[in-house]
C-alpha atoms as a PDB file:
ATOM      1  CA  MET A   1       6.713  -3.872  -9.358  1.00  0.00           C
ATOM      2  CA  ALA A   2       5.749  -5.236 -12.669  1.00  0.00           C
ATOM      3  CA  LYS A   3       3.993  -3.140 -15.283  1.00  0.00           C
ATOM      4  CA  MET A   4       0.276  -3.567 -14.996  1.00  0.00           C
ATOM      5  CA  GLU A   5      -1.972  -4.750 -17.690  1.00  0.00           C
ATOM      6  CA  LYS A   6      -3.302  -1.984 -19.993  1.00  0.00           C
ATOM      7  CA  GLU A   7      -6.971  -2.532 -19.096  1.00  0.00           C
ATOM      8  CA  GLU A   8      -6.214  -2.314 -15.326  1.00  0.00           C
ATOM      9  CA  THR A   9      -6.099   1.302 -14.069  1.00  0.00           C
ATOM     10  CA  VAL A  10      -4.052   2.385 -11.172  1.00  0.00           C
ATOM     11  CA  LYS A  11      -7.299   2.837  -9.134  1.00  0.00           C
ATOM     12  CA  GLU A  12      -8.324  -0.621  -9.872  1.00  0.00           C
ATOM     13  CA  LYS A  13      -4.952  -2.119  -9.027  1.00  0.00           C
ATOM     14  CA  TYR A  14      -4.574  -0.384  -5.793  1.00  0.00           C
ATOM     15  CA  HIS A  15      -8.129  -0.113  -4.521  1.00  0.00           C
ATOM     16  CA  LEU A  16      -8.761  -2.392  -1.631  1.00  0.00           C
ATOM     17  CA  SER A  17     -12.274  -3.534  -0.780  1.00  0.00           C
ATOM     18  CA  PRO A  18     -13.022  -3.174   2.870  1.00  0.00           C
ATOM     19  CA  THR A  19     -12.404  -6.766   3.548  1.00  0.00           C
ATOM     20  CA  GLU A  20      -9.022  -6.627   1.654  1.00  0.00           C
ATOM     21  CA  ALA A  21      -8.129  -3.469   3.756  1.00  0.00           C
ATOM     22  CA  GLU A  22      -8.976  -5.294   6.941  1.00  0.00           C
ATOM     23  CA  ILE A  23      -6.596  -8.014   5.936  1.00  0.00           C
ATOM     24  CA  MET A  24      -3.859  -5.662   4.986  1.00  0.00           C
ATOM     25  CA  GLU A  25      -4.250  -3.827   8.298  1.00  0.00           C
ATOM     26  CA  LYS A  26      -3.769  -7.044  10.242  1.00  0.00           C
ATOM     27  CA  LEU A  27      -0.721  -7.889   8.009  1.00  0.00           C
ATOM     28  CA  TRP A  28       0.763  -4.449   8.508  1.00  0.00           C
ATOM     29  CA  GLN A  29       0.526  -4.853  12.240  1.00  0.00           C
ATOM     30  CA  GLN A  30       2.644  -7.996  12.103  1.00  0.00           C
ATOM     31  CA  THR A  31       6.448  -7.931  12.475  1.00  0.00           C
ATOM     32  CA  GLU A  32       7.016 -11.350  11.094  1.00  0.00           C
ATOM     33  CA  PRO A  33       5.047 -13.631   8.583  1.00  0.00           C
ATOM     34  CA  ILE A  34       1.929 -14.975  10.233  1.00  0.00           C
ATOM     35  CA  LYS A  35       0.390 -18.430   9.834  1.00  0.00           C
ATOM     36  CA  GLN A  36      -2.705 -18.191   7.643  1.00  0.00           C
ATOM     37  CA  THR A  37      -4.599 -20.280  10.439  1.00  0.00           C
ATOM     38  CA  GLU A  38      -3.465 -17.523  13.007  1.00  0.00           C
ATOM     39  CA  LEU A  39      -4.729 -14.796  10.704  1.00  0.00           C
ATOM     40  CA  LEU A  40      -8.167 -16.679  10.240  1.00  0.00           C
ATOM     41  CA  ALA A  41      -8.303 -17.096  14.004  1.00  0.00           C
ATOM     42  CA  MET A  42      -7.906 -13.307  14.519  1.00  0.00           C
ATOM     43  CA  PHE A  43     -10.756 -12.566  12.149  1.00  0.00           C
ATOM     44  CA  ASN A  44     -13.031 -15.296  13.688  1.00  0.00           C
ATOM     45  CA  LYS A  45     -12.268 -13.849  17.132  1.00  0.00           C
ATOM     46  CA  GLU A  46     -13.562 -10.551  15.940  1.00  0.00           C
ATOM     47  CA  GLY A  47     -16.875 -11.983  14.808  1.00  0.00           C
ATOM     48  CA  LYS A  48     -16.033 -12.876  11.207  1.00  0.00           C
ATOM     49  CA  ASP A  49     -17.425 -16.230  10.242  1.00  0.00           C
ATOM     50  CA  TRP A  50     -14.840 -17.063   7.601  1.00  0.00           C
ATOM     51  CA  GLY A  51     -13.799 -20.448   6.555  1.00  0.00           C
ATOM     52  CA  ARG A  52     -10.226 -21.280   5.407  1.00  0.00           C
ATOM     53  CA  GLN A  53     -11.324 -21.127   1.738  1.00  0.00           C
ATOM     54  CA  THR A  54     -12.743 -17.597   2.135  1.00  0.00           C
ATOM     55  CA  LEU A  55      -9.536 -16.267   3.579  1.00  0.00           C
ATOM     56  CA  ASN A  56      -7.537 -18.202   1.003  1.00  0.00           C
ATOM     57  CA  THR A  57      -9.509 -16.611  -1.847  1.00  0.00           C
ATOM     58  CA  LEU A  58      -9.036 -13.124  -0.443  1.00  0.00           C
ATOM     59  CA  LEU A  59      -5.320 -13.697  -0.040  1.00  0.00           C
ATOM     60  CA  LEU A  60      -4.962 -15.084  -3.511  1.00  0.00           C
ATOM     61  CA  ARG A  61      -6.505 -11.781  -4.849  1.00  0.00           C
ATOM     62  CA  LEU A  62      -4.049  -9.780  -2.696  1.00  0.00           C
ATOM     63  CA  GLU A  63      -1.161 -11.971  -3.815  1.00  0.00           C
ATOM     64  CA  GLU A  64      -1.967 -11.730  -7.566  1.00  0.00           C
ATOM     65  CA  ARG A  65      -1.859  -7.961  -7.194  1.00  0.00           C
ATOM     66  CA  GLY A  66       1.499  -8.063  -5.424  1.00  0.00           C
ATOM     67  CA  PHE A  67       0.358  -6.945  -2.077  1.00  0.00           C
ATOM     68  CA  VAL A  68       1.136 -10.147  -0.102  1.00  0.00           C
ATOM     69  CA  LYS A  69       3.427 -13.061  -0.361  1.00  0.00           C
ATOM     70  CA  ARG A  70       2.613 -16.661   0.843  1.00  0.00           C
ATOM     71  CA  GLU A  71       5.015 -19.474   1.485  1.00  0.00           C
ATOM     72  CA  LYS A  72       4.730 -22.500   3.642  1.00  0.00           C
ATOM     73  CA  ARG A  73       1.360 -21.474   4.995  1.00  0.00           C
ATOM     74  CA  LYS A  74       2.527 -18.234   6.148  1.00  0.00           C
ATOM     75  CA  VAL A  75       1.566 -14.814   4.683  1.00  0.00           C
ATOM     76  CA  TRP A  76       3.069 -11.360   4.966  1.00  0.00           C
ATOM     77  CA  ALA A  77       2.657  -7.914   3.421  1.00  0.00           C
ATOM     78  CA  VAL A  78       5.086  -7.182   0.545  1.00  0.00           C
ATOM     79  CA  TYR A  79       5.120  -3.505   1.550  1.00  0.00           C
ATOM     80  CA  ASP A  80       4.441  -1.795   4.967  1.00  0.00           C
ATOM     81  CA  GLN A  81       1.648   0.674   4.949  1.00  0.00           C
ATOM     82  CA  GLU A  82       3.832   3.701   4.017  1.00  0.00           C
ATOM     83  CA  GLY A  83       5.463   1.560   1.256  1.00  0.00           C
ATOM     84  CA  PHE A  84       2.092   0.807  -0.128  1.00  0.00           C
ATOM     85  CA  GLY A  85       1.316   4.445  -0.489  1.00  0.00           C
ATOM     86  CA  VAL A  86       4.622   5.008  -2.160  1.00  0.00           C
ATOM     87  CA  GLN A  87       3.873   2.260  -4.785  1.00  0.00           C
ATOM     88  CA  ILE A  88       0.504   4.002  -5.497  1.00  0.00           C
ATOM     89  CA  MET A  89       2.279   7.427  -5.947  1.00  0.00           C
ATOM     90  CA  GLU A  90       4.988   6.035  -8.097  1.00  0.00           C
ATOM     91  CA  GLU A  91       2.587   4.242 -10.380  1.00  0.00           C
ATOM     92  CA  ALA A  92       0.417   7.305 -10.623  1.00  0.00           C
ATOM     93  CA  ALA A  93       3.483   9.382 -11.546  1.00  0.00           C
ATOM     94  CA  ASP A  94       4.455   6.899 -14.171  1.00  0.00           C
ATOM     95  CA  ASN A  95       0.927   6.696 -15.662  1.00  0.00           C
ATOM     96  CA  PHE A  96      -0.081  10.328 -15.476  1.00  0.00           C
ATOM     97  CA  PHE A  97       2.939  12.327 -15.289  1.00  0.00           C
ATOM     98  CA  LYS A  98       5.486  10.522 -17.404  1.00  0.00           C
ATOM     99  CA  GLY A  99       7.459   9.581 -14.366  1.00  0.00           C
ATOM    100  CA  LYS A 100       7.865  12.998 -13.189  1.00  0.00           C
ATOM    101  CA  LYS A 101       7.089  12.591  -9.431  1.00  0.00           C
ATOM    102  CA  HIS A 102       7.456  16.210  -8.707  1.00  0.00           C
ATOM    103  CA  LYS A 103       4.763  17.145 -11.192  1.00  0.00           C
ATOM    104  CA  LEU A 104       2.373  14.552  -9.491  1.00  0.00           C
ATOM    105  CA  PHE A 105       3.241  16.149  -6.124  1.00  0.00           C
ATOM    106  CA  ALA A 106       2.690  19.778  -7.358  1.00  0.00           C
ATOM    107  CA  ALA A 107      -0.667  18.722  -8.764  1.00  0.00           C
ATOM    108  CA  PHE A 108      -1.626  17.152  -5.616  1.00  0.00           C
ATOM    109  CA  ALA A 109      -0.299  19.938  -3.376  1.00  0.00           C
ATOM    110  CA  GLU A 110      -1.993  22.624  -5.375  1.00  0.00           C
ATOM    111  CA  LYS A 111      -5.395  21.320  -4.731  1.00  0.00           C
ATOM    112  CA  ASN A 112      -5.221  19.505  -1.435  1.00  0.00           C
ATOM    113  CA  LEU A 113      -2.809  21.395   1.025  1.00  0.00           C
ATOM    114  CA  SER A 114      -3.624  24.164   3.342  1.00  0.00           C
ATOM    115  CA  VAL A 115      -1.091  26.936   3.773  1.00  0.00           C
ATOM    116  CA  GLU A 116      -0.020  25.409   7.067  1.00  0.00           C
ATOM    117  CA  GLN A 117       0.451  21.956   5.558  1.00  0.00           C
ATOM    118  CA  ALA A 118       2.442  23.557   2.637  1.00  0.00           C
ATOM    119  CA  LYS A 119       4.768  25.252   5.133  1.00  0.00           C
ATOM    120  CA  ASP A 120       5.309  21.965   6.908  1.00  0.00           C
ATOM    121  CA  LEU A 121       6.092  20.373   3.629  1.00  0.00           C
ATOM    122  CA  GLN A 122       8.408  23.170   2.821  1.00  0.00           C
ATOM    123  CA  LYS A 123      10.406  22.515   6.052  1.00  0.00           C
ATOM    124  CA  MET A 124      10.504  18.652   5.244  1.00  0.00           C
ATOM    125  CA  ILE A 125      11.833  19.435   1.881  1.00  0.00           C
ATOM    126  CA  ALA A 126      14.491  21.775   3.175  1.00  0.00           C
ATOM    127  CA  GLU A 127      15.428  19.206   5.880  1.00  0.00           C
ATOM    128  CA  TYR A 128      15.588  16.553   2.951  1.00  0.00           C
ATOM    129  CA  ILE A 129      17.861  18.784   0.847  1.00  0.00           C
ATOM    130  CA  ASP A 130      20.144  19.530   3.834  1.00  0.00           C
ATOM    131  CA  ALA A 131      20.423  15.694   4.556  1.00  0.00           C
ATOM    132  CA  GLN A 132      21.285  15.030   0.963  1.00  0.00           C
ATOM    133  CA  LYS A 133      24.046  17.661   1.081  1.00  0.00           C
ATOM    134  CA  GLU A 134      25.490  15.999   4.017  1.00  0.00           C
ATOM    135  CA  ASN A 135      25.781  12.596   2.251  1.00  0.00           C
END
């Protein structure tokens, strides 16, 4: 992903408004690119009274931030939901921990994990190390 402009923070770049989050949720549910008209119909069916231009404006914002791609009136998410989270974590590591992902993770874990969650994490890391040894 391209380096973001200096004045744009990680939070600003990756924060999704409630409406943007709704769009991304719909796109993450798709297995193939979807026609923009079909996406609009989904929202209108749910009671949103959006016009084509409203959706287009929202998609343009998401596209400019690198979250969606549009081509031939179809749209799709660049990253799946997990991949989106990974991008956030990678940029946070680059911006706050000089690219040292383990330091970002340790800082997060120290303040946000219960003992049970830490044990689960320890198990996942051990499984990851074992898998890497096999390769």
